[in-house]
N, C-alpha and C. Protein backbone atom coordinates (compact mmCIF):
# COMPACT_ATOMS: atom_id res chain seq x y z
N UNK A 1 10.29 -1.85 -23.23
CA UNK A 1 9.64 -0.63 -22.78
C UNK A 1 9.31 -0.70 -21.29
N UNK A 2 8.69 -1.79 -20.82
CA UNK A 2 8.36 -1.91 -19.40
C UNK A 2 9.63 -1.91 -18.55
N UNK A 3 10.65 -2.62 -18.99
CA UNK A 3 11.91 -2.67 -18.25
C UNK A 3 12.55 -1.29 -18.18
N UNK A 4 12.50 -0.54 -19.26
CA UNK A 4 13.07 0.81 -19.27
C UNK A 4 12.33 1.73 -18.30
N UNK A 5 10.98 1.61 -18.25
CA UNK A 5 10.20 2.41 -17.31
C UNK A 5 10.60 2.09 -15.87
N UNK A 6 10.78 0.81 -15.58
CA UNK A 6 11.18 0.41 -14.23
C UNK A 6 12.57 0.92 -13.89
N UNK A 7 13.50 0.70 -14.78
CA UNK A 7 14.87 1.11 -14.52
C UNK A 7 14.99 2.62 -14.32
N UNK A 8 14.25 3.39 -15.06
CA UNK A 8 14.36 4.84 -14.96
C UNK A 8 13.74 5.39 -13.67
N UNK A 9 12.84 4.64 -13.05
CA UNK A 9 12.17 5.11 -11.84
C UNK A 9 12.47 4.29 -10.59
N UNK A 10 13.22 3.22 -10.72
CA UNK A 10 13.42 2.28 -9.60
C UNK A 10 14.03 2.97 -8.38
N UNK A 11 15.09 3.74 -8.55
CA UNK A 11 15.78 4.34 -7.42
C UNK A 11 14.94 5.35 -6.66
N UNK A 12 13.91 5.87 -7.29
CA UNK A 12 13.01 6.79 -6.61
C UNK A 12 12.36 6.11 -5.41
N UNK A 13 12.05 4.82 -5.55
CA UNK A 13 11.35 4.08 -4.50
C UNK A 13 12.22 3.02 -3.82
N UNK A 14 13.14 2.44 -4.56
CA UNK A 14 13.85 1.26 -4.07
C UNK A 14 15.36 1.37 -4.15
N UNK A 15 15.90 2.45 -3.75
CA UNK A 15 17.35 2.65 -3.87
C UNK A 15 18.14 1.55 -3.17
N UNK A 16 17.62 1.03 -2.06
CA UNK A 16 18.35 0.03 -1.27
C UNK A 16 17.84 -1.40 -1.45
N UNK A 17 17.01 -1.66 -2.45
CA UNK A 17 16.45 -2.99 -2.65
C UNK A 17 17.14 -3.73 -3.79
N UNK A 18 17.18 -5.04 -3.67
CA UNK A 18 17.74 -5.87 -4.74
C UNK A 18 16.65 -6.17 -5.77
N UNK A 19 17.04 -6.18 -7.02
CA UNK A 19 16.11 -6.51 -8.09
C UNK A 19 16.81 -7.46 -9.05
N UNK A 20 16.07 -8.41 -9.55
CA UNK A 20 16.62 -9.38 -10.48
C UNK A 20 15.76 -9.41 -11.74
N UNK A 21 16.40 -9.39 -12.87
CA UNK A 21 15.70 -9.49 -14.15
C UNK A 21 15.99 -10.87 -14.72
N UNK A 22 14.95 -11.54 -15.14
CA UNK A 22 15.08 -12.87 -15.72
C UNK A 22 14.84 -12.78 -17.21
N UNK A 23 15.83 -13.14 -17.98
CA UNK A 23 15.70 -13.19 -19.43
C UNK A 23 14.99 -14.50 -19.77
N UNK A 24 13.74 -14.40 -20.12
CA UNK A 24 12.92 -15.60 -20.35
C UNK A 24 13.38 -16.42 -21.53
N UNK A 25 13.95 -15.78 -22.51
CA UNK A 25 14.40 -16.52 -23.68
C UNK A 25 15.62 -17.38 -23.36
N UNK A 26 16.49 -16.89 -22.51
CA UNK A 26 17.70 -17.64 -22.16
C UNK A 26 17.49 -18.58 -20.98
N UNK A 27 16.47 -18.34 -20.17
CA UNK A 27 16.25 -19.13 -18.95
C UNK A 27 14.81 -19.63 -18.88
N UNK A 28 14.36 -20.25 -19.95
CA UNK A 28 12.97 -20.69 -20.05
C UNK A 28 12.61 -21.72 -18.98
N UNK A 29 13.50 -22.64 -18.67
CA UNK A 29 13.23 -23.66 -17.66
C UNK A 29 12.99 -23.01 -16.30
N UNK A 30 13.85 -22.08 -15.93
CA UNK A 30 13.68 -21.38 -14.66
C UNK A 30 12.38 -20.58 -14.65
N UNK A 31 12.07 -19.93 -15.74
CA UNK A 31 10.83 -19.18 -15.85
C UNK A 31 9.62 -20.08 -15.63
N UNK A 32 9.64 -21.23 -16.25
CA UNK A 32 8.53 -22.19 -16.09
C UNK A 32 8.43 -22.69 -14.66
N UNK A 33 9.56 -22.94 -14.03
CA UNK A 33 9.56 -23.41 -12.64
C UNK A 33 9.00 -22.35 -11.70
N UNK A 34 9.40 -21.11 -11.90
CA UNK A 34 8.86 -20.03 -11.07
C UNK A 34 7.36 -19.87 -11.26
N UNK A 35 6.91 -19.93 -12.49
CA UNK A 35 5.47 -19.81 -12.77
C UNK A 35 4.70 -20.91 -12.05
N UNK A 36 5.24 -22.11 -12.07
CA UNK A 36 4.56 -23.23 -11.41
C UNK A 36 4.60 -23.08 -9.89
N UNK A 37 5.76 -22.78 -9.33
CA UNK A 37 5.89 -22.65 -7.88
C UNK A 37 5.07 -21.50 -7.31
N UNK A 38 4.99 -20.41 -8.05
CA UNK A 38 4.27 -19.23 -7.56
C UNK A 38 2.82 -19.19 -8.01
N UNK A 39 2.43 -20.18 -8.81
CA UNK A 39 1.07 -20.25 -9.35
C UNK A 39 0.73 -18.97 -10.11
N UNK A 40 1.64 -18.61 -11.01
CA UNK A 40 1.50 -17.39 -11.80
C UNK A 40 1.54 -17.78 -13.27
N UNK A 41 0.58 -17.31 -14.03
CA UNK A 41 0.58 -17.55 -15.47
C UNK A 41 1.65 -16.69 -16.12
N UNK A 42 2.47 -17.30 -16.96
CA UNK A 42 3.55 -16.58 -17.62
C UNK A 42 3.00 -15.58 -18.63
N UNK A 43 3.55 -14.36 -18.57
CA UNK A 43 3.27 -13.33 -19.56
C UNK A 43 4.57 -12.59 -19.83
N UNK A 44 4.63 -11.87 -20.90
CA UNK A 44 5.84 -11.13 -21.19
C UNK A 44 5.48 -9.82 -21.88
N UNK A 45 5.93 -8.70 -21.33
CA UNK A 45 6.74 -8.56 -20.12
C UNK A 45 5.89 -8.77 -18.88
N UNK A 46 6.56 -9.12 -17.81
CA UNK A 46 5.87 -9.42 -16.56
C UNK A 46 6.75 -9.04 -15.38
N UNK A 47 6.14 -8.57 -14.32
CA UNK A 47 6.84 -8.28 -13.09
C UNK A 47 6.17 -9.07 -11.97
N UNK A 48 6.99 -9.77 -11.20
CA UNK A 48 6.50 -10.52 -10.05
C UNK A 48 7.35 -10.11 -8.85
N UNK A 49 6.71 -9.62 -7.80
CA UNK A 49 7.41 -9.31 -6.56
C UNK A 49 7.22 -10.50 -5.63
N UNK A 50 8.34 -11.00 -5.11
CA UNK A 50 8.32 -12.19 -4.27
C UNK A 50 8.87 -11.82 -2.90
N UNK A 51 8.14 -12.19 -1.87
CA UNK A 51 8.57 -11.95 -0.50
C UNK A 51 8.38 -13.25 0.29
N UNK A 52 9.43 -13.73 0.90
CA UNK A 52 9.40 -14.97 1.67
C UNK A 52 8.87 -16.13 0.84
N UNK A 53 9.24 -16.16 -0.43
CA UNK A 53 8.87 -17.26 -1.31
C UNK A 53 7.44 -17.22 -1.84
N UNK A 54 6.75 -16.11 -1.62
CA UNK A 54 5.36 -15.97 -2.05
C UNK A 54 5.23 -14.76 -2.97
N UNK A 55 4.46 -14.92 -4.03
CA UNK A 55 4.19 -13.81 -4.93
C UNK A 55 3.25 -12.83 -4.23
N UNK A 56 3.72 -11.61 -4.01
CA UNK A 56 2.88 -10.60 -3.35
C UNK A 56 2.37 -9.55 -4.34
N UNK A 57 2.90 -9.58 -5.54
CA UNK A 57 2.45 -8.64 -6.57
C UNK A 57 2.84 -9.19 -7.93
N UNK A 58 1.95 -9.04 -8.87
CA UNK A 58 2.28 -9.41 -10.25
C UNK A 58 1.50 -8.52 -11.20
N UNK A 59 2.16 -8.19 -12.28
CA UNK A 59 1.55 -7.33 -13.28
C UNK A 59 2.25 -7.58 -14.61
N UNK A 60 1.61 -7.15 -15.67
CA UNK A 60 2.23 -7.34 -16.98
C UNK A 60 1.94 -6.15 -17.89
N UNK A 61 2.73 -6.07 -18.91
CA UNK A 61 2.61 -5.08 -19.97
C UNK A 61 2.55 -3.66 -19.43
N UNK A 62 1.62 -2.85 -19.87
CA UNK A 62 1.56 -1.44 -19.48
C UNK A 62 1.12 -1.21 -18.05
N UNK A 63 0.61 -2.24 -17.39
CA UNK A 63 0.20 -2.11 -15.99
C UNK A 63 1.38 -2.15 -15.03
N UNK A 64 2.57 -2.46 -15.51
CA UNK A 64 3.76 -2.52 -14.67
C UNK A 64 4.21 -1.11 -14.33
N UNK A 65 4.18 -0.78 -13.03
CA UNK A 65 4.66 0.53 -12.58
C UNK A 65 5.44 0.36 -11.28
N UNK A 66 6.45 1.18 -11.09
CA UNK A 66 7.25 1.13 -9.87
C UNK A 66 6.38 1.51 -8.67
N UNK A 67 5.54 2.48 -8.83
CA UNK A 67 4.68 2.92 -7.72
C UNK A 67 3.78 1.79 -7.22
N UNK A 68 3.22 1.02 -8.13
CA UNK A 68 2.35 -0.10 -7.74
C UNK A 68 3.15 -1.19 -7.02
N UNK A 69 4.35 -1.46 -7.50
CA UNK A 69 5.21 -2.46 -6.85
C UNK A 69 5.57 -1.98 -5.45
N UNK A 70 5.93 -0.73 -5.33
CA UNK A 70 6.28 -0.16 -4.03
C UNK A 70 5.12 -0.29 -3.04
N UNK A 71 3.94 0.03 -3.48
CA UNK A 71 2.76 -0.06 -2.62
C UNK A 71 2.54 -1.50 -2.17
N UNK A 72 2.65 -2.45 -3.09
CA UNK A 72 2.45 -3.85 -2.73
C UNK A 72 3.50 -4.34 -1.74
N UNK A 73 4.74 -3.95 -1.95
CA UNK A 73 5.82 -4.40 -1.06
C UNK A 73 5.70 -3.78 0.32
N UNK A 74 5.36 -2.51 0.40
CA UNK A 74 5.28 -1.85 1.70
C UNK A 74 4.05 -2.29 2.48
N UNK A 75 3.03 -2.79 1.80
CA UNK A 75 1.82 -3.27 2.49
C UNK A 75 1.95 -4.69 2.98
N UNK A 76 3.00 -5.40 2.56
CA UNK A 76 3.16 -6.80 2.97
C UNK A 76 4.27 -6.92 3.97
């Protein structure tokens, strides 16, 4: 549900930005490494915006919105 909300609204704000989706079930080791490196507690679903190797925004479940991600990215 969260992924569908993002996908349906992403181009409204980020038509020219790259986005990567990590399948946590298939890439658990990578997920754990990112959580440790970024000092982020794993949740699912979860969105983490990373800029220059630093987590600048994170949210989970129903709090995940494209507008909030856009605001965080444009303010950093």
